[in-house]
Amino acid sequence: MNGKAEQQIILSWVAHGSSVLDLGCGDGELLEKLINEKHVHAQGIELSETAIHHCVAKGLSVFQQDIDTGLSEYANSTFDYVILNQTLQQVKKPDFALKEALRVGKKAIVGFPNFVHIQARFQIFWGGRVPVTKALPCEWFETPNLHFLGIADFKEYCRKNKIYIEDSAFIRRNGKVKFLPNLFAETALFLLSLH
């Protein structure tokens, strides 16, 4: 994945000193950068015990929870930003998870692999097999991804659900894609709000 480029874009979107909830924070690498570089008040939610141990070893505030069950312990607009980077496509109920993120956060940052970029399309068309690419590195039987979406799919979802796209960025090989991102970008990032 294009982790470094994704992190730089997310860092540029998050305001200095804001409050952040990172859903599916993994080993806490992004949370740690946000705290160190943006001085945010950060909290993470993660399902993996191993990842949580890595976070705790770094001194991060992370709780074990399945985000598919919701965020009922948080009031509306508790956080300035809720981050779902490389998480939305892995949850069982992405619609519910995104609505909860936008409920507890004033803004949401969503990042996901673009399952319809050109390399994936070629592998399906010419090889007749589920693609394995840099952005989608796992074989079909070991992938954590449950939902497969492209940039156009996500934009249409936001339009239908009256979710405002404040900003977006599309990445391929650590560089931004400006032309036909649904075809050429490996990863998509969106900054969202409800107004």
N, C-alpha and C. Protein backbone atom coordinates (compact mmCIF):
# COMPACT_ATOMS: atom_id res chain seq x y z
N MET A 1 0.84 -1.18 0.00
CA MET A 1 0.00 0.00 0.00
C MET A 1 0.88 1.24 0.00
N ASN A 2 0.25 2.34 -0.27
CA ASN A 2 0.95 3.60 -0.34
C ASN A 2 0.87 4.33 0.99
N GLY A 3 1.28 3.66 2.06
CA GLY A 3 1.10 4.16 3.41
C GLY A 3 1.69 5.54 3.68
N LYS A 4 2.89 5.80 3.22
CA LYS A 4 3.54 7.09 3.50
C LYS A 4 2.79 8.24 2.84
N ALA A 5 2.41 8.08 1.58
CA ALA A 5 1.67 9.13 0.89
C ALA A 5 0.31 9.34 1.54
N GLU A 6 -0.37 8.25 1.91
CA GLU A 6 -1.66 8.35 2.60
C GLU A 6 -1.50 9.13 3.90
N GLN A 7 -0.51 8.77 4.68
CA GLN A 7 -0.29 9.43 5.96
C GLN A 7 -0.02 10.92 5.79
N GLN A 8 0.75 11.30 4.78
CA GLN A 8 1.05 12.71 4.56
C GLN A 8 -0.21 13.50 4.21
N ILE A 9 -1.08 12.90 3.42
CA ILE A 9 -2.34 13.58 3.06
C ILE A 9 -3.22 13.72 4.30
N ILE A 10 -3.34 12.66 5.07
CA ILE A 10 -4.15 12.71 6.30
C ILE A 10 -3.59 13.76 7.25
N LEU A 11 -2.28 13.78 7.42
CA LEU A 11 -1.64 14.79 8.28
C LEU A 11 -1.96 16.21 7.78
N SER A 12 -2.00 16.41 6.48
CA SER A 12 -2.29 17.74 5.95
C SER A 12 -3.75 18.14 6.18
N TRP A 13 -4.65 17.19 6.29
CA TRP A 13 -6.07 17.48 6.49
C TRP A 13 -6.44 17.71 7.96
N VAL A 14 -5.70 17.10 8.88
CA VAL A 14 -6.04 17.18 10.31
C VAL A 14 -5.47 18.47 10.90
N ALA A 15 -6.34 19.23 11.54
CA ALA A 15 -5.93 20.51 12.14
C ALA A 15 -5.09 20.28 13.40
N HIS A 16 -4.14 21.15 13.59
CA HIS A 16 -3.25 21.12 14.75
C HIS A 16 -4.09 21.19 16.04
N GLY A 17 -3.79 20.30 17.01
CA GLY A 17 -4.44 20.32 18.31
C GLY A 17 -5.86 19.79 18.35
N SER A 18 -6.33 19.18 17.28
CA SER A 18 -7.70 18.69 17.24
C SER A 18 -7.83 17.34 17.94
N SER A 19 -9.06 16.84 18.03
CA SER A 19 -9.31 15.53 18.63
C SER A 19 -9.58 14.52 17.51
N VAL A 20 -8.99 13.33 17.66
CA VAL A 20 -9.03 12.32 16.59
C VAL A 20 -9.36 10.95 17.17
N LEU A 21 -10.26 10.24 16.49
CA LEU A 21 -10.53 8.84 16.78
C LEU A 21 -10.17 8.06 15.53
N ASP A 22 -9.25 7.10 15.65
CA ASP A 22 -8.80 6.28 14.52
C ASP A 22 -9.42 4.89 14.66
N LEU A 23 -10.36 4.58 13.77
CA LEU A 23 -11.05 3.29 13.79
C LEU A 23 -10.27 2.28 12.97
N GLY A 24 -9.86 1.19 13.61
CA GLY A 24 -9.01 0.22 12.93
C GLY A 24 -7.61 0.77 12.81
N CYS A 25 -7.06 1.23 13.94
CA CYS A 25 -5.79 1.96 13.95
C CYS A 25 -4.56 1.09 13.75
N GLY A 26 -4.74 -0.23 13.71
CA GLY A 26 -3.59 -1.10 13.49
C GLY A 26 -2.55 -0.96 14.58
N ASP A 27 -1.28 -0.86 14.19
CA ASP A 27 -0.20 -0.77 15.17
C ASP A 27 0.02 0.65 15.68
N GLY A 28 -0.83 1.59 15.26
CA GLY A 28 -0.78 2.95 15.78
C GLY A 28 0.20 3.88 15.10
N GLU A 29 0.75 3.48 13.96
CA GLU A 29 1.75 4.31 13.28
C GLU A 29 1.18 5.69 12.93
N LEU A 30 -0.04 5.73 12.38
CA LEU A 30 -0.65 7.01 12.02
C LEU A 30 -0.99 7.82 13.27
N LEU A 31 -1.55 7.17 14.28
CA LEU A 31 -1.88 7.88 15.53
C LEU A 31 -0.64 8.53 16.13
N GLU A 32 0.44 7.79 16.14
CA GLU A 32 1.70 8.31 16.70
C GLU A 32 2.17 9.54 15.93
N LYS A 33 2.08 9.49 14.59
CA LYS A 33 2.49 10.64 13.77
C LYS A 33 1.59 11.84 14.03
N LEU A 34 0.29 11.60 14.15
CA LEU A 34 -0.64 12.69 14.41
C LEU A 34 -0.35 13.36 15.75
N ILE A 35 -0.05 12.55 16.75
CA ILE A 35 0.27 13.09 18.07
C ILE A 35 1.57 13.89 18.03
N ASN A 36 2.60 13.32 17.42
CA ASN A 36 3.91 13.95 17.39
C ASN A 36 3.98 15.18 16.49
N GLU A 37 3.31 15.11 15.33
CA GLU A 37 3.44 16.19 14.35
C GLU A 37 2.32 17.22 14.42
N LYS A 38 1.12 16.79 14.83
CA LYS A 38 -0.03 17.70 14.86
C LYS A 38 -0.51 17.99 16.28
N HIS A 39 0.10 17.34 17.25
CA HIS A 39 -0.26 17.52 18.66
C HIS A 39 -1.75 17.34 18.91
N VAL A 40 -2.32 16.30 18.30
CA VAL A 40 -3.74 16.01 18.46
C VAL A 40 -3.98 15.24 19.76
N HIS A 41 -5.21 15.25 20.20
CA HIS A 41 -5.67 14.41 21.30
C HIS A 41 -6.27 13.18 20.62
N ALA A 42 -5.58 12.05 20.69
CA ALA A 42 -5.93 10.91 19.85
C ALA A 42 -6.31 9.68 20.66
N GLN A 43 -7.20 8.93 20.07
CA GLN A 43 -7.62 7.65 20.63
C GLN A 43 -7.83 6.69 19.46
N GLY A 44 -7.55 5.43 19.69
CA GLY A 44 -7.74 4.45 18.64
C GLY A 44 -8.66 3.33 19.07
N ILE A 45 -9.25 2.69 18.08
CA ILE A 45 -10.04 1.49 18.30
C ILE A 45 -9.50 0.44 17.34
N GLU A 46 -9.24 -0.74 17.89
CA GLU A 46 -8.65 -1.83 17.11
C GLU A 46 -9.20 -3.15 17.62
N LEU A 47 -9.31 -4.11 16.74
CA LEU A 47 -9.81 -5.44 17.12
C LEU A 47 -8.67 -6.39 17.47
N SER A 48 -7.56 -6.29 16.77
CA SER A 48 -6.43 -7.21 16.94
C SER A 48 -5.69 -6.97 18.26
N GLU A 49 -5.60 -8.00 19.08
CA GLU A 49 -4.87 -7.89 20.35
C GLU A 49 -3.39 -7.59 20.12
N THR A 50 -2.80 -8.21 19.12
CA THR A 50 -1.38 -7.98 18.83
C THR A 50 -1.14 -6.52 18.48
N ALA A 51 -2.01 -5.95 17.62
CA ALA A 51 -1.87 -4.54 17.25
C ALA A 51 -2.05 -3.64 18.46
N ILE A 52 -2.99 -3.98 19.33
CA ILE A 52 -3.23 -3.18 20.53
C ILE A 52 -1.99 -3.18 21.42
N HIS A 53 -1.34 -4.33 21.56
CA HIS A 53 -0.11 -4.40 22.36
C HIS A 53 0.97 -3.48 21.79
N HIS A 54 1.08 -3.43 20.45
CA HIS A 54 2.05 -2.52 19.81
C HIS A 54 1.70 -1.06 20.14
N CYS A 55 0.42 -0.74 20.10
CA CYS A 55 -0.03 0.63 20.40
C CYS A 55 0.28 1.00 21.85
N VAL A 56 -0.05 0.11 22.76
CA VAL A 56 0.16 0.37 24.18
C VAL A 56 1.66 0.53 24.46
N ALA A 57 2.49 -0.27 23.79
CA ALA A 57 3.95 -0.16 23.96
C ALA A 57 4.45 1.22 23.51
N LYS A 58 3.73 1.85 22.58
CA LYS A 58 4.10 3.19 22.11
C LYS A 58 3.48 4.28 22.99
N GLY A 59 2.69 3.88 23.99
CA GLY A 59 2.05 4.85 24.87
C GLY A 59 0.77 5.44 24.32
N LEU A 60 0.15 4.75 23.35
CA LEU A 60 -1.07 5.26 22.73
C LEU A 60 -2.31 4.77 23.46
N SER A 61 -3.34 5.57 23.43
CA SER A 61 -4.64 5.22 24.03
C SER A 61 -5.48 4.49 22.99
N VAL A 62 -5.56 3.16 23.13
CA VAL A 62 -6.28 2.34 22.17
C VAL A 62 -7.14 1.34 22.91
N PHE A 63 -8.37 1.17 22.42
CA PHE A 63 -9.32 0.25 23.04
C PHE A 63 -9.68 -0.85 22.07
N GLN A 64 -9.92 -2.03 22.61
CA GLN A 64 -10.33 -3.15 21.77
C GLN A 64 -11.84 -3.11 21.60
N GLN A 65 -12.26 -3.06 20.36
CA GLN A 65 -13.68 -3.01 20.06
C GLN A 65 -13.90 -3.38 18.61
N ASP A 66 -15.04 -3.96 18.33
CA ASP A 66 -15.46 -4.27 16.97
C ASP A 66 -16.31 -3.11 16.49
N ILE A 67 -15.84 -2.35 15.52
CA ILE A 67 -16.59 -1.17 15.09
C ILE A 67 -17.88 -1.53 14.36
N ASP A 68 -18.05 -2.79 13.99
CA ASP A 68 -19.32 -3.22 13.40
C ASP A 68 -20.46 -3.15 14.42
N THR A 69 -20.13 -3.11 15.71
CA THR A 69 -21.18 -3.03 16.74
C THR A 69 -21.57 -1.59 17.03
N GLY A 70 -20.88 -0.63 16.45
CA GLY A 70 -21.21 0.77 16.63
C GLY A 70 -20.34 1.47 17.64
N LEU A 71 -20.61 2.73 17.82
CA LEU A 71 -19.83 3.59 18.71
C LEU A 71 -20.76 4.24 19.73
N SER A 72 -21.65 3.45 20.29
CA SER A 72 -22.71 3.98 21.17
C SER A 72 -22.17 4.66 22.43
N GLU A 73 -20.94 4.36 22.84
CA GLU A 73 -20.38 4.99 24.03
C GLU A 73 -19.90 6.42 23.77
N TYR A 74 -19.95 6.86 22.51
CA TYR A 74 -19.54 8.21 22.16
C TYR A 74 -20.75 9.05 21.77
N ALA A 75 -20.80 10.27 22.28
CA ALA A 75 -21.88 11.21 21.94
C ALA A 75 -21.63 11.79 20.55
N ASN A 76 -22.64 12.41 20.01
CA ASN A 76 -22.52 13.09 18.71
C ASN A 76 -21.42 14.14 18.77
N SER A 77 -20.65 14.23 17.70
CA SER A 77 -19.59 15.23 17.54
C SER A 77 -18.58 15.24 18.68
N THR A 78 -18.24 14.07 19.20
CA THR A 78 -17.24 13.95 20.27
C THR A 78 -15.84 14.32 19.75
N PHE A 79 -15.55 13.98 18.50
CA PHE A 79 -14.22 14.18 17.92
C PHE A 79 -14.29 15.14 16.74
N ASP A 80 -13.18 15.82 16.51
CA ASP A 80 -13.08 16.67 15.32
C ASP A 80 -12.98 15.81 14.06
N TYR A 81 -12.22 14.71 14.17
CA TYR A 81 -12.02 13.81 13.02
C TYR A 81 -12.14 12.37 13.47
N VAL A 82 -12.79 11.56 12.65
CA VAL A 82 -12.79 10.12 12.82
C VAL A 82 -12.16 9.55 11.55
N ILE A 83 -11.15 8.71 11.73
CA ILE A 83 -10.39 8.17 10.60
C ILE A 83 -10.75 6.70 10.38
N LEU A 84 -11.05 6.38 9.14
CA LEU A 84 -11.27 4.99 8.71
C LEU A 84 -10.32 4.76 7.52
N ASN A 85 -9.04 4.64 7.79
CA ASN A 85 -8.08 4.45 6.71
C ASN A 85 -7.76 2.97 6.54
N GLN A 86 -8.09 2.44 5.36
CA GLN A 86 -7.91 1.03 5.04
C GLN A 86 -8.74 0.16 6.00
N THR A 87 -9.89 0.65 6.41
CA THR A 87 -10.76 -0.05 7.34
C THR A 87 -12.14 -0.30 6.76
N LEU A 88 -12.69 0.67 6.05
CA LEU A 88 -14.08 0.60 5.59
C LEU A 88 -14.37 -0.67 4.79
N GLN A 89 -13.46 -1.07 3.93
CA GLN A 89 -13.69 -2.25 3.09
C GLN A 89 -13.56 -3.55 3.88
N GLN A 90 -13.09 -3.47 5.14
CA GLN A 90 -12.88 -4.68 5.94
C GLN A 90 -13.99 -4.93 6.97
N VAL A 91 -14.85 -3.95 7.20
CA VAL A 91 -15.92 -4.14 8.18
C VAL A 91 -17.10 -4.84 7.53
N LYS A 92 -17.92 -5.49 8.35
CA LYS A 92 -19.09 -6.21 7.83
C LYS A 92 -20.18 -5.26 7.36
N LYS A 93 -20.31 -4.13 8.07
CA LYS A 93 -21.38 -3.17 7.76
C LYS A 93 -20.77 -1.79 7.49
N PRO A 94 -20.21 -1.59 6.29
CA PRO A 94 -19.53 -0.32 6.02
C PRO A 94 -20.46 0.89 6.08
N ASP A 95 -21.69 0.74 5.64
CA ASP A 95 -22.65 1.84 5.69
C ASP A 95 -22.87 2.29 7.14
N PHE A 96 -23.09 1.34 8.01
CA PHE A 96 -23.30 1.63 9.43
C PHE A 96 -22.04 2.24 10.05
N ALA A 97 -20.87 1.68 9.75
CA ALA A 97 -19.61 2.19 10.31
C ALA A 97 -19.35 3.62 9.88
N LEU A 98 -19.62 3.94 8.62
CA LEU A 98 -19.39 5.30 8.14
C LEU A 98 -20.38 6.28 8.76
N LYS A 99 -21.63 5.87 8.89
CA LYS A 99 -22.63 6.74 9.51
C LYS A 99 -22.28 6.99 10.98
N GLU A 100 -21.79 5.99 11.68
CA GLU A 100 -21.37 6.16 13.06
C GLU A 100 -20.15 7.09 13.14
N ALA A 101 -19.22 6.93 12.20
CA ALA A 101 -18.04 7.80 12.18
C ALA A 101 -18.45 9.26 11.98
N LEU A 102 -19.40 9.50 11.10
CA LEU A 102 -19.87 10.86 10.85
C LEU A 102 -20.76 11.38 11.98
N ARG A 103 -21.30 10.49 12.78
CA ARG A 103 -22.09 10.92 13.93
C ARG A 103 -21.18 11.39 15.07
N VAL A 104 -20.15 10.59 15.37
CA VAL A 104 -19.27 10.93 16.50
C VAL A 104 -18.16 11.90 16.12
N GLY A 105 -17.92 12.06 14.84
CA GLY A 105 -16.90 13.00 14.37
C GLY A 105 -17.52 14.13 13.58
N LYS A 106 -16.94 15.30 13.70
CA LYS A 106 -17.41 16.43 12.90
C LYS A 106 -17.04 16.22 11.44
N LYS A 107 -15.93 15.51 11.24
CA LYS A 107 -15.47 15.15 9.89
C LYS A 107 -14.95 13.72 9.94
N ALA A 108 -15.00 13.06 8.81
CA ALA A 108 -14.44 11.70 8.69
C ALA A 108 -13.43 11.69 7.56
N ILE A 109 -12.37 10.94 7.78
CA ILE A 109 -11.37 10.71 6.74
C ILE A 109 -11.42 9.23 6.40
N VAL A 110 -11.72 8.95 5.15
CA VAL A 110 -11.87 7.56 4.70
C VAL A 110 -10.85 7.29 3.61
N GLY A 111 -10.10 6.19 3.77
CA GLY A 111 -9.16 5.76 2.75
C GLY A 111 -9.37 4.29 2.44
N PHE A 112 -9.33 3.94 1.17
CA PHE A 112 -9.53 2.54 0.78
C PHE A 112 -8.79 2.24 -0.52
N PRO A 113 -8.49 0.95 -0.74
CA PRO A 113 -7.89 0.58 -2.02
C PRO A 113 -8.94 0.68 -3.12
N ASN A 114 -8.54 1.19 -4.26
CA ASN A 114 -9.44 1.29 -5.41
C ASN A 114 -9.41 -0.06 -6.14
N PHE A 115 -10.46 -0.81 -5.94
CA PHE A 115 -10.50 -2.17 -6.47
C PHE A 115 -10.66 -2.23 -7.98
N VAL A 116 -10.88 -1.08 -8.63
CA VAL A 116 -11.12 -1.09 -10.08
C VAL A 116 -10.03 -0.35 -10.85
N HIS A 117 -8.85 -0.15 -10.24
CA HIS A 117 -7.79 0.52 -10.99
C HIS A 117 -7.31 -0.36 -12.13
N ILE A 118 -6.60 0.23 -13.05
CA ILE A 118 -6.28 -0.42 -14.32
C ILE A 118 -5.55 -1.75 -14.17
N GLN A 119 -4.63 -1.84 -13.24
CA GLN A 119 -3.88 -3.09 -13.08
C GLN A 119 -4.82 -4.22 -12.64
N ALA A 120 -5.74 -3.92 -11.74
CA ALA A 120 -6.71 -4.93 -11.31
C ALA A 120 -7.61 -5.33 -12.47
N ARG A 121 -8.04 -4.35 -13.26
CA ARG A 121 -8.90 -4.65 -14.41
C ARG A 121 -8.19 -5.56 -15.41
N PHE A 122 -6.91 -5.28 -15.67
CA PHE A 122 -6.15 -6.12 -16.60
C PHE A 122 -6.02 -7.55 -16.07
N GLN A 123 -5.75 -7.69 -14.78
CA GLN A 123 -5.60 -9.03 -14.22
C GLN A 123 -6.90 -9.82 -14.32
N ILE A 124 -8.02 -9.16 -14.10
CA ILE A 124 -9.31 -9.85 -14.21
C ILE A 124 -9.58 -10.19 -15.67
N PHE A 125 -9.41 -9.21 -16.56
CA PHE A 125 -9.73 -9.41 -17.97
C PHE A 125 -8.82 -10.43 -18.64
N TRP A 126 -7.50 -10.24 -18.52
CA TRP A 126 -6.56 -11.10 -19.23
C TRP A 126 -6.26 -12.40 -18.49
N GLY A 127 -6.19 -12.32 -17.19
CA GLY A 127 -5.86 -13.52 -16.42
C GLY A 127 -7.07 -14.31 -15.94
N GLY A 128 -8.22 -13.62 -15.90
CA GLY A 128 -9.43 -14.29 -15.45
C GLY A 128 -9.39 -14.67 -13.97
N ARG A 129 -8.58 -13.94 -13.20
CA ARG A 129 -8.42 -14.27 -11.78
C ARG A 129 -8.58 -13.01 -10.94
N VAL A 130 -8.88 -13.22 -9.67
CA VAL A 130 -8.95 -12.11 -8.73
C VAL A 130 -7.58 -11.47 -8.66
N PRO A 131 -7.51 -10.13 -8.77
CA PRO A 131 -6.20 -9.47 -8.85
C PRO A 131 -5.42 -9.48 -7.54
N VAL A 132 -4.10 -9.55 -7.69
CA VAL A 132 -3.16 -9.34 -6.60
C VAL A 132 -2.22 -8.25 -7.09
N THR A 133 -2.27 -7.11 -6.41
CA THR A 133 -1.48 -5.95 -6.81
C THR A 133 -0.80 -5.36 -5.58
N LYS A 134 -0.03 -4.30 -5.79
CA LYS A 134 0.61 -3.64 -4.67
C LYS A 134 -0.44 -3.10 -3.69
N ALA A 135 -1.52 -2.55 -4.20
CA ALA A 135 -2.58 -2.01 -3.35
C ALA A 135 -3.49 -3.11 -2.80
N LEU A 136 -3.52 -4.25 -3.47
CA LEU A 136 -4.34 -5.41 -3.05
C LEU A 136 -3.43 -6.63 -2.96
N PRO A 137 -2.59 -6.70 -1.94
CA PRO A 137 -1.51 -7.68 -1.92
C PRO A 137 -1.89 -9.11 -1.53
N CYS A 138 -3.11 -9.35 -1.10
CA CYS A 138 -3.49 -10.68 -0.60
C CYS A 138 -4.24 -11.49 -1.65
N GLU A 139 -4.02 -12.80 -1.60
CA GLU A 139 -4.80 -13.72 -2.42
C GLU A 139 -6.24 -13.71 -1.93
N TRP A 140 -7.17 -14.16 -2.76
CA TRP A 140 -8.59 -14.13 -2.42
C TRP A 140 -8.90 -14.85 -1.11
N PHE A 141 -8.18 -15.91 -0.79
CA PHE A 141 -8.50 -16.72 0.39
C PHE A 141 -7.91 -16.17 1.68
N GLU A 142 -7.06 -15.13 1.58
CA GLU A 142 -6.46 -14.57 2.79
C GLU A 142 -6.70 -13.07 2.94
N THR A 143 -7.48 -12.50 2.04
CA THR A 143 -7.71 -11.05 2.10
C THR A 143 -8.61 -10.68 3.28
N PRO A 144 -8.31 -9.57 3.96
CA PRO A 144 -9.20 -9.08 5.01
C PRO A 144 -10.38 -8.29 4.44
N ASN A 145 -10.33 -8.01 3.12
CA ASN A 145 -11.36 -7.18 2.50
C ASN A 145 -12.65 -7.97 2.29
N LEU A 146 -13.75 -7.37 2.72
CA LEU A 146 -15.07 -7.98 2.56
C LEU A 146 -15.89 -7.28 1.48
N HIS A 147 -15.59 -6.01 1.25
CA HIS A 147 -16.35 -5.21 0.30
C HIS A 147 -15.39 -4.61 -0.72
N PHE A 148 -15.79 -4.65 -1.97
CA PHE A 148 -14.94 -4.21 -3.06
C PHE A 148 -15.59 -3.00 -3.73
N LEU A 149 -14.88 -1.88 -3.70
CA LEU A 149 -15.45 -0.66 -4.24
C LEU A 149 -14.41 0.12 -5.01
N GLY A 150 -14.91 0.96 -5.88
CA GLY A 150 -14.06 1.88 -6.62
C GLY A 150 -14.37 3.30 -6.22
N ILE A 151 -13.60 4.21 -6.74
CA ILE A 151 -13.78 5.63 -6.42
C ILE A 151 -15.15 6.11 -6.86
N ALA A 152 -15.57 5.73 -8.06
CA ALA A 152 -16.88 6.15 -8.56
C ALA A 152 -18.01 5.60 -7.68
N ASP A 153 -17.85 4.37 -7.19
CA ASP A 153 -18.85 3.78 -6.29
C ASP A 153 -18.98 4.62 -5.02
N PHE A 154 -17.84 5.00 -4.45
CA PHE A 154 -17.86 5.74 -3.18
C PHE A 154 -18.44 7.14 -3.38
N LYS A 155 -18.08 7.80 -4.47
CA LYS A 155 -18.64 9.13 -4.75
C LYS A 155 -20.16 9.05 -4.90
N GLU A 156 -20.64 8.04 -5.58
CA GLU A 156 -22.08 7.87 -5.76
C GLU A 156 -22.76 7.59 -4.41
N TYR A 157 -22.13 6.77 -3.58
CA TYR A 157 -22.65 6.50 -2.23
C TYR A 157 -22.78 7.80 -1.44
N CYS A 158 -21.75 8.64 -1.48
CA CYS A 158 -21.78 9.91 -0.76
C CYS A 158 -22.90 10.81 -1.30
N ARG A 159 -23.05 10.86 -2.61
CA ARG A 159 -24.11 11.68 -3.21
C ARG A 159 -25.48 11.23 -2.73
N LYS A 160 -25.73 9.93 -2.79
CA LYS A 160 -27.04 9.38 -2.39
C LYS A 160 -27.33 9.58 -0.92
N ASN A 161 -26.29 9.59 -0.08
CA ASN A 161 -26.48 9.71 1.36
C ASN A 161 -26.24 11.13 1.88
N LYS A 162 -26.15 12.09 0.95
CA LYS A 162 -25.98 13.50 1.31
C LYS A 162 -24.75 13.72 2.21
N ILE A 163 -23.68 13.04 1.88
CA ILE A 163 -22.39 13.21 2.56
C ILE A 163 -21.55 14.12 1.69
N TYR A 164 -21.08 15.20 2.27
CA TYR A 164 -20.32 16.20 1.54
C TYR A 164 -18.84 15.79 1.47
N ILE A 165 -18.29 15.76 0.28
CA ILE A 165 -16.86 15.49 0.09
C ILE A 165 -16.13 16.83 0.11
N GLU A 166 -15.44 17.10 1.22
CA GLU A 166 -14.72 18.36 1.36
C GLU A 166 -13.41 18.37 0.58
N ASP A 167 -12.78 17.20 0.51
CA ASP A 167 -11.52 17.09 -0.22
C ASP A 167 -11.31 15.63 -0.57
N SER A 168 -10.46 15.38 -1.53
CA SER A 168 -10.13 14.01 -1.91
C SER A 168 -8.72 13.98 -2.48
N ALA A 169 -8.12 12.81 -2.42
CA ALA A 169 -6.79 12.61 -2.99
C ALA A 169 -6.71 11.17 -3.49
N PHE A 170 -6.02 11.01 -4.59
CA PHE A 170 -5.91 9.69 -5.21
C PHE A 170 -4.44 9.40 -5.46
N ILE A 171 -4.01 8.20 -5.11
CA ILE A 171 -2.58 7.88 -5.07
C ILE A 171 -2.26 6.65 -5.92
N ARG A 172 -1.13 6.72 -6.58
CA ARG A 172 -0.55 5.58 -7.27
C ARG A 172 0.96 5.66 -7.12
N ARG A 173 1.56 4.62 -6.58
CA ARG A 173 3.02 4.56 -6.37
C ARG A 173 3.54 5.82 -5.66
N ASN A 174 2.89 6.19 -4.59
CA ASN A 174 3.27 7.33 -3.76
C ASN A 174 3.19 8.68 -4.47
N GLY A 175 2.53 8.73 -5.62
CA GLY A 175 2.30 10.00 -6.30
C GLY A 175 0.81 10.23 -6.46
N LYS A 176 0.40 11.48 -6.54
CA LYS A 176 -1.02 11.80 -6.69
C LYS A 176 -1.46 11.57 -8.13
N VAL A 177 -2.70 11.12 -8.27
CA VAL A 177 -3.32 10.91 -9.58
C VAL A 177 -4.37 12.00 -9.77
N LYS A 178 -4.26 12.74 -10.84
CA LYS A 178 -5.22 13.82 -11.14
C LYS A 178 -6.16 13.43 -12.27
N PHE A 179 -5.66 12.60 -13.21
CA PHE A 179 -6.41 12.26 -14.42
C PHE A 179 -7.03 10.88 -14.27
N LEU A 180 -8.34 10.78 -14.45
CA LEU A 180 -9.10 9.51 -14.39
C LEU A 180 -8.71 8.67 -13.16
N PRO A 181 -8.91 9.17 -11.95
CA PRO A 181 -8.49 8.44 -10.76
C PRO A 181 -9.18 7.09 -10.59
N ASN A 182 -10.42 6.95 -11.03
CA ASN A 182 -11.11 5.66 -10.88
C ASN A 182 -10.39 4.57 -11.67
N LEU A 183 -9.68 4.97 -12.72
CA LEU A 183 -8.94 4.03 -13.55
C LEU A 183 -7.48 3.87 -13.09
N PHE A 184 -6.83 4.97 -12.71
CA PHE A 184 -5.40 4.94 -12.48
C PHE A 184 -4.94 4.94 -11.02
N ALA A 185 -5.79 5.35 -10.09
CA ALA A 185 -5.37 5.41 -8.68
C ALA A 185 -5.47 4.04 -8.02
N GLU A 186 -4.49 3.73 -7.20
CA GLU A 186 -4.51 2.48 -6.43
C GLU A 186 -5.23 2.68 -5.10
N THR A 187 -5.17 3.90 -4.56
CA THR A 187 -5.74 4.21 -3.26
C THR A 187 -6.48 5.53 -3.34
N ALA A 188 -7.60 5.61 -2.60
CA ALA A 188 -8.39 6.85 -2.55
C ALA A 188 -8.52 7.31 -1.11
N LEU A 189 -8.50 8.62 -0.93
CA LEU A 189 -8.73 9.24 0.38
C LEU A 189 -9.78 10.33 0.23
N PHE A 190 -10.69 10.38 1.20
CA PHE A 190 -11.76 11.39 1.18
C PHE A 190 -11.87 12.04 2.55
N LEU A 191 -12.07 13.34 2.55
CA LEU A 191 -12.39 14.10 3.75
C LEU A 191 -13.87 14.44 3.65
N LEU A 192 -14.65 13.96 4.61
CA LEU A 192 -16.09 14.01 4.54
C LEU A 192 -16.72 14.76 5.71
N SER A 193 -17.90 15.31 5.46
CA SER A 193 -18.70 15.88 6.53
C SER A 193 -20.17 15.80 6.11
N LEU A 194 -21.06 16.15 7.02
CA LEU A 194 -22.49 16.11 6.72
C LEU A 194 -23.03 17.48 6.34
N HIS A 195 -22.18 18.52 6.28
CA HIS A 195 -22.66 19.83 5.84
C HIS A 195 -21.80 20.40 4.76
